[in-house]
């Protein structure tokens, strides 16, 4: 992790991190998440272990706030079909490069929208890396870019060629404070497909918890070693990711069966390529210099 902090400031060049199942992530020098991924393989290991135990090849997953693909590419490596939403142009360009690096174009589709509870134009910060977020008003700050904000239900309805016939198994949301609005714009999906939801919450996430409870969801944390979901107490007030599962029905039974029957998973230690080959363009020959 410290080697990355030095490298990004001195060399100003990307690295490539190799993870399980041959997944590779090209990390640009502006990425603040690269250090922990290079050191441990994941910045949210419990949640990624949960999805690894839950998902099966062909499952449909939606990744809201995909950034450069830290979730999307490992999920595609499991054989999942990933809809990756990333409104930030720099992160989206890096995500697209990672999709190409893993030859995952048929398993990952990138959508350039921010998500909310209504369609409108918005402003997104550009200088906070993984913490970039929507602003209520753009003002005159040059460190924002204009983005289109859509509802997830609207996007799904508008792209039947991708979504139709693929029931969503899991929905991951990391929208830096706008997570509740994303959920409200996905209510039709939550009622129809009953996906498992992983959503970032702050200060106990009371409003998100109330919204999910109204739809019959219960919220848990995951203990990967035991493959066990532990329900959050009602008085809990911290910051974390909720793993929300419908409290009854087919999805609840499916989650229980899949976690129980999942193959043991011990993440491989990540390896780092500090001087990845540079992409060549046009007809020029690659340089032989290091």
Protein backbone atom coordinates (compact mmCIF):
# COMPACT_ATOMS: atom_id res chain seq x y z
CA UNK A 1 0.00 0.00 0.00
CA UNK A 2 2.78 2.41 0.88
CA UNK A 3 4.68 1.44 -2.27
CA UNK A 4 1.64 2.54 -4.29
CA UNK A 5 1.45 5.86 -2.46
CA UNK A 6 5.07 6.54 -3.42
CA UNK A 7 4.71 5.20 -6.97
CA UNK A 8 1.66 7.28 -7.84
CA UNK A 9 3.39 10.48 -6.69
CA UNK A 10 6.81 9.79 -8.22
CA UNK A 11 6.17 7.71 -11.35
CA UNK A 12 2.66 9.05 -12.11
CA UNK A 13 1.92 5.80 -13.92
CA UNK A 14 -0.73 3.09 -13.56
CA UNK A 15 -0.19 -0.38 -12.14
CA UNK A 16 -2.00 -3.62 -12.95
CA UNK A 17 -3.22 -5.75 -10.04
CA UNK A 18 -3.93 -9.44 -10.67
CA UNK A 19 -6.68 -11.01 -8.56
CA UNK A 20 -8.48 -14.36 -8.41
CA UNK A 21 -9.72 -16.13 -11.53
CA UNK A 22 -7.31 -14.21 -13.73
CA UNK A 23 -9.04 -10.86 -13.14
CA UNK A 24 -6.76 -7.87 -13.69
CA UNK A 25 -7.39 -4.26 -12.70
CA UNK A 26 -5.48 -1.37 -14.22
CA UNK A 27 -5.24 1.29 -11.51
CA UNK A 28 -4.65 4.87 -12.68
CA UNK A 29 -2.33 7.01 -10.55
CA UNK A 30 -5.22 9.14 -9.27
CA UNK A 31 -6.94 6.15 -7.64
CA UNK A 32 -6.95 6.32 -3.84
CA UNK A 33 -8.42 2.81 -3.67
CA UNK A 34 -5.53 1.13 -5.50
CA UNK A 35 -3.30 0.88 -2.42
CA UNK A 36 -5.65 -1.23 -0.33
CA UNK A 37 -6.59 -3.41 -3.33
CA UNK A 38 -2.90 -3.98 -4.09
CA UNK A 39 -2.25 -4.87 -0.46
CA UNK A 40 -5.30 -7.05 0.29
CA UNK A 41 -7.19 -7.71 -2.96
CA UNK A 42 -10.33 -5.85 -1.88
CA UNK A 43 -11.39 -2.68 -0.08
CA UNK A 44 -14.63 -4.36 1.13
CA UNK A 45 -13.66 -8.02 1.67
CA UNK A 46 -16.77 -9.17 3.57
CA UNK A 47 -19.17 -7.83 0.94
CA UNK A 48 -17.13 -9.25 -1.92
CA UNK A 49 -16.93 -12.61 -0.14
CA UNK A 50 -20.72 -12.55 0.22
CA UNK A 51 -21.21 -11.96 -3.51
CA UNK A 52 -18.63 -14.63 -4.33
CA UNK A 53 -20.56 -17.14 -2.22
CA UNK A 54 -23.96 -16.00 -3.53
CA UNK A 55 -23.55 -15.63 -7.27
CA UNK A 56 -23.56 -18.27 -9.96
CA UNK A 57 -22.53 -18.01 -13.64
CA UNK A 58 -25.16 -16.18 -15.66
CA UNK A 59 -26.62 -14.25 -12.73
CA UNK A 60 -27.50 -10.61 -13.42
CA UNK A 61 -25.94 -7.99 -11.13
CA UNK A 62 -26.25 -4.21 -11.07
CA UNK A 63 -23.27 -2.18 -9.79
CA UNK A 64 -24.20 1.44 -9.02
CA UNK A 65 -21.14 3.60 -8.51
CA UNK A 66 -18.88 1.18 -10.34
CA UNK A 67 -15.84 3.48 -10.29
CA UNK A 68 -13.01 1.71 -12.16
CA UNK A 69 -14.48 -1.78 -11.79
CA UNK A 70 -13.29 -2.97 -8.37
CA UNK A 71 -16.58 -4.85 -7.97
CA UNK A 72 -17.68 -5.20 -11.58
CA UNK A 73 -14.67 -7.07 -12.96
CA UNK A 74 -14.37 -9.67 -10.18
CA UNK A 75 -18.12 -10.29 -10.50
CA UNK A 76 -17.73 -10.75 -14.24
CA UNK A 77 -14.89 -13.14 -13.41
CA UNK A 78 -17.45 -15.25 -11.53
CA UNK A 79 -19.47 -15.45 -14.75
CA UNK A 80 -22.04 -12.83 -13.72
CA UNK A 81 -23.68 -10.43 -16.15
CA UNK A 82 -22.90 -6.95 -14.81
CA UNK A 83 -24.66 -3.65 -15.46
CA UNK A 84 -22.11 -1.05 -14.34
CA UNK A 85 -23.30 2.52 -13.69
CA UNK A 86 -20.56 5.16 -13.54
CA UNK A 87 -21.34 8.83 -14.29
CA UNK A 88 -17.82 10.21 -13.76
CA UNK A 89 -15.97 10.45 -17.06
CA UNK A 90 -12.46 9.71 -15.70
CA UNK A 91 -13.58 6.69 -13.70
CA UNK A 92 -15.74 5.49 -16.58
CA UNK A 93 -12.80 5.67 -19.01
CA UNK A 94 -10.71 3.62 -16.56
CA UNK A 95 -13.60 1.16 -16.16
CA UNK A 96 -13.84 0.75 -19.91
CA UNK A 97 -10.10 0.01 -20.12
CA UNK A 98 -10.47 -2.63 -17.40
CA UNK A 99 -13.37 -4.26 -19.22
CA UNK A 100 -11.19 -4.45 -22.34
CA UNK A 101 -8.19 -5.68 -20.33
CA UNK A 102 -10.28 -8.63 -19.13
CA UNK A 103 -12.03 -9.23 -22.48
CA UNK A 104 -15.30 -8.84 -20.58
CA UNK A 105 -17.25 -6.78 -23.10
CA UNK A 106 -19.98 -9.44 -23.38
CA UNK A 107 -20.40 -9.69 -19.60
CA UNK A 108 -20.15 -6.02 -18.56
CA UNK A 109 -22.24 -3.20 -19.97
CA UNK A 110 -21.36 0.34 -18.90
CA UNK A 111 -24.07 2.96 -18.37
CA UNK A 112 -22.93 6.62 -18.10
CA UNK A 113 -25.73 7.74 -15.78
CA UNK A 114 -25.96 8.85 -12.19
CA UNK A 115 -29.03 7.32 -10.56
CA UNK A 116 -31.69 8.94 -8.42
CA UNK A 117 -35.44 9.11 -7.80
CA UNK A 118 -36.24 11.20 -10.91
CA UNK A 119 -34.79 12.09 -14.30
CA UNK A 120 -32.91 15.39 -14.44
CA UNK A 121 -29.54 16.98 -15.20
CA UNK A 122 -27.04 17.06 -12.35
CA UNK A 123 -23.52 18.03 -11.37
CA UNK A 124 -20.90 15.54 -10.19
CA UNK A 125 -17.69 16.39 -8.35
CA UNK A 126 -14.54 15.38 -10.24
CA UNK A 127 -11.68 15.65 -7.73
CA UNK A 128 -12.68 13.21 -4.96
CA UNK A 129 -12.02 9.85 -6.66
CA UNK A 130 -14.17 7.20 -4.94
CA UNK A 131 -16.00 9.90 -2.98
CA UNK A 132 -17.24 11.86 -6.00
CA UNK A 133 -20.93 12.64 -5.55
CA UNK A 134 -23.87 14.56 -6.94
CA UNK A 135 -24.39 18.17 -5.92
CA UNK A 136 -27.73 19.86 -5.43
CA UNK A 137 -26.54 22.72 -7.65
CA UNK A 138 -23.51 23.07 -9.90
CA UNK A 139 -22.70 26.66 -8.98
CA UNK A 140 -19.55 28.04 -10.58
CA UNK A 141 -17.10 25.42 -9.28
CA UNK A 142 -14.95 24.17 -12.16
CA UNK A 143 -14.35 20.84 -10.37
CA UNK A 144 -17.69 19.41 -11.43
CA UNK A 145 -19.04 17.90 -14.61
CA UNK A 146 -22.57 17.79 -15.91
CA UNK A 147 -24.18 14.35 -15.78
CA UNK A 148 -27.53 12.83 -16.62
CA UNK A 149 -29.47 11.51 -13.63
CA UNK A 150 -31.93 8.70 -14.34
CA UNK A 151 -34.01 6.29 -12.30
CA UNK A 152 -32.86 2.69 -12.37
CA UNK A 153 -36.38 1.55 -13.19
CA UNK A 154 -36.37 3.92 -16.17
CA UNK A 155 -33.03 2.69 -17.47
CA UNK A 156 -34.12 -0.95 -17.17
CA UNK A 157 -37.35 -0.20 -19.04
CA UNK A 158 -35.47 1.72 -21.72
CA UNK A 159 -32.93 -1.02 -22.47
CA UNK A 160 -34.90 -4.25 -22.96
CA UNK A 161 -32.18 -5.62 -25.24
CA UNK A 162 -29.90 -5.92 -22.19
CA UNK A 163 -32.21 -6.38 -19.20
CA UNK A 164 -35.21 -8.29 -20.52
CA UNK A 165 -35.21 -11.96 -19.56
CA UNK A 166 -32.49 -11.52 -16.91
CA UNK A 167 -33.81 -11.40 -13.36
CA UNK A 168 -31.53 -9.28 -11.19
CA UNK A 169 -30.01 -11.32 -8.34
CA UNK A 170 -27.97 -8.58 -6.64
CA UNK A 171 -27.90 -4.78 -6.58
CA UNK A 172 -24.84 -3.01 -5.13
CA UNK A 173 -25.15 0.74 -4.45
CA UNK A 174 -22.34 3.12 -3.51
CA UNK A 175 -23.67 6.59 -4.31
CA UNK A 176 -21.92 8.64 -1.62
CA UNK A 177 -24.96 9.89 0.28
CA UNK A 178 -27.51 9.59 -2.54
CA UNK A 179 -28.11 5.89 -1.91
CA UNK A 180 -31.67 6.31 -0.65
CA UNK A 181 -32.63 8.21 -3.81
CA UNK A 182 -31.16 5.40 -5.93
CA UNK A 183 -33.31 2.89 -4.04
CA UNK A 184 -36.44 4.99 -4.45
CA UNK A 185 -35.82 5.10 -8.20
CA UNK A 186 -35.54 1.30 -8.24
CA UNK A 187 -38.70 0.40 -6.32
CA UNK A 188 -40.26 -1.43 -9.27
CA UNK A 189 -37.13 -3.59 -9.61
CA UNK A 190 -37.08 -4.32 -5.87
CA UNK A 191 -40.72 -5.41 -5.90
CA UNK A 192 -40.45 -7.47 -9.10
CA UNK A 193 -37.06 -9.23 -8.94
CA UNK A 194 -36.46 -9.09 -5.16
CA UNK A 195 -32.67 -8.77 -5.54
CA UNK A 196 -30.29 -8.85 -2.62
CA UNK A 197 -29.14 -5.27 -1.99
CA UNK A 198 -25.74 -4.10 -0.76
CA UNK A 199 -26.03 -0.42 0.09
CA UNK A 200 -23.73 2.02 1.87
CA UNK A 201 -25.32 3.75 4.87
CA UNK A 202 -24.31 6.49 7.29
CA UNK A 203 -25.42 7.17 10.88
CA UNK A 204 -27.37 3.94 11.09
CA UNK A 205 -29.18 4.39 7.78
CA UNK A 206 -32.56 4.76 9.47
CA UNK A 207 -34.41 6.12 6.43
CA UNK A 208 -32.93 3.46 4.13
CA UNK A 209 -33.80 0.79 6.67
CA UNK A 210 -37.39 2.01 6.88
CA UNK A 211 -37.69 2.07 3.09
CA UNK A 212 -36.34 -1.47 2.77
CA UNK A 213 -38.49 -2.76 5.64
CA UNK A 214 -41.60 -1.45 3.89
CA UNK A 215 -40.67 -3.70 0.96
CA UNK A 216 -40.13 -6.71 3.22
CA UNK A 217 -36.33 -6.57 3.47
CA UNK A 218 -34.17 -7.27 6.53
CA UNK A 219 -30.61 -5.93 6.89
CA UNK A 220 -27.54 -7.95 7.79
CA UNK A 221 -23.77 -8.00 7.97
CA UNK A 222 -21.88 -11.03 6.64
CA UNK A 223 -19.40 -13.27 8.41
CA UNK A 224 -17.51 -14.96 5.54
CA UNK A 225 -15.73 -17.63 7.58
CA UNK A 226 -19.05 -19.04 8.80
CA UNK A 227 -21.03 -17.99 5.71
CA UNK A 228 -23.50 -16.48 8.14
CA UNK A 229 -25.78 -13.44 7.90
CA UNK A 230 -26.15 -11.58 11.22
CA UNK A 231 -29.04 -9.16 11.50
CA UNK A 232 -28.26 -5.58 12.56
CA UNK A 233 -29.93 -4.57 15.84
CA UNK A 234 -32.59 -1.89 15.54
CA UNK A 235 -30.60 0.56 17.69
CA UNK A 236 -27.43 0.30 15.57
CA UNK A 237 -26.19 3.74 14.45
CA UNK A 238 -22.83 3.34 12.69
CA UNK A 239 -21.51 3.54 9.12
CA UNK A 240 -21.30 0.34 7.06
CA UNK A 241 -22.80 -1.54 4.15
CA UNK A 242 -26.21 -3.08 4.68
CA UNK A 243 -26.74 -6.46 3.06
CA UNK A 244 -30.51 -6.42 2.61
CA UNK A 245 -32.36 -9.65 1.86
CA UNK A 246 -36.11 -10.20 1.43
CA UNK A 247 -37.25 -11.66 4.75
CA UNK A 248 -39.24 -14.49 3.19
CA UNK A 249 -40.07 -16.09 -0.12
CA UNK A 250 -38.05 -17.63 -2.93
CA UNK A 251 -35.17 -15.17 -2.74
CA UNK A 252 -34.66 -15.77 0.98
CA UNK A 253 -34.58 -19.53 0.37
CA UNK A 254 -32.22 -19.11 -2.57
CA UNK A 255 -29.76 -17.00 -0.56
CA UNK A 256 -29.76 -19.49 2.31
CA UNK A 257 -29.23 -22.45 -0.03
CA UNK A 258 -26.47 -20.77 -2.00
CA UNK A 259 -24.51 -19.61 1.04
CA UNK A 260 -24.76 -23.06 2.60
CA UNK A 261 -23.70 -24.82 -0.60
CA UNK A 262 -21.00 -22.37 -1.70
CA UNK A 263 -17.55 -23.70 -2.41
CA UNK A 264 -14.82 -22.67 0.06
CA UNK A 265 -13.19 -19.46 -1.06
CA UNK A 266 -9.77 -18.27 0.06
CA UNK A 267 -8.75 -15.16 -1.88
CA UNK A 268 -5.33 -15.36 -3.49
CA UNK A 269 -2.81 -12.73 -2.49
CA UNK A 270 -2.86 -10.05 -5.20
CA UNK A 271 0.16 -9.54 -7.41
CA UNK A 272 1.20 -6.17 -8.81
CA UNK A 273 2.72 -5.34 -12.17
CA UNK A 274 4.43 -2.02 -11.52
CA UNK A 275 5.40 -1.27 -15.09
CA UNK A 276 2.56 -2.56 -17.29
CA UNK A 277 2.98 -2.39 -21.03
CA UNK A 278 1.68 0.79 -22.53
CA UNK A 279 -1.04 0.55 -25.13
CA UNK A 280 0.09 1.44 -28.64
CA UNK A 281 -2.07 3.26 -31.16
CA UNK A 282 -1.99 3.53 -34.90
CA UNK A 283 0.70 1.68 -36.86
CA UNK A 284 3.63 2.61 -34.64
CA UNK A 285 5.66 -0.28 -33.27
CA UNK A 286 5.83 -0.78 -29.51
CA UNK A 287 8.84 0.76 -27.84
CA UNK A 288 11.54 -1.65 -26.69
CA UNK A 289 12.66 0.72 -23.95
CA UNK A 290 11.53 0.00 -20.36
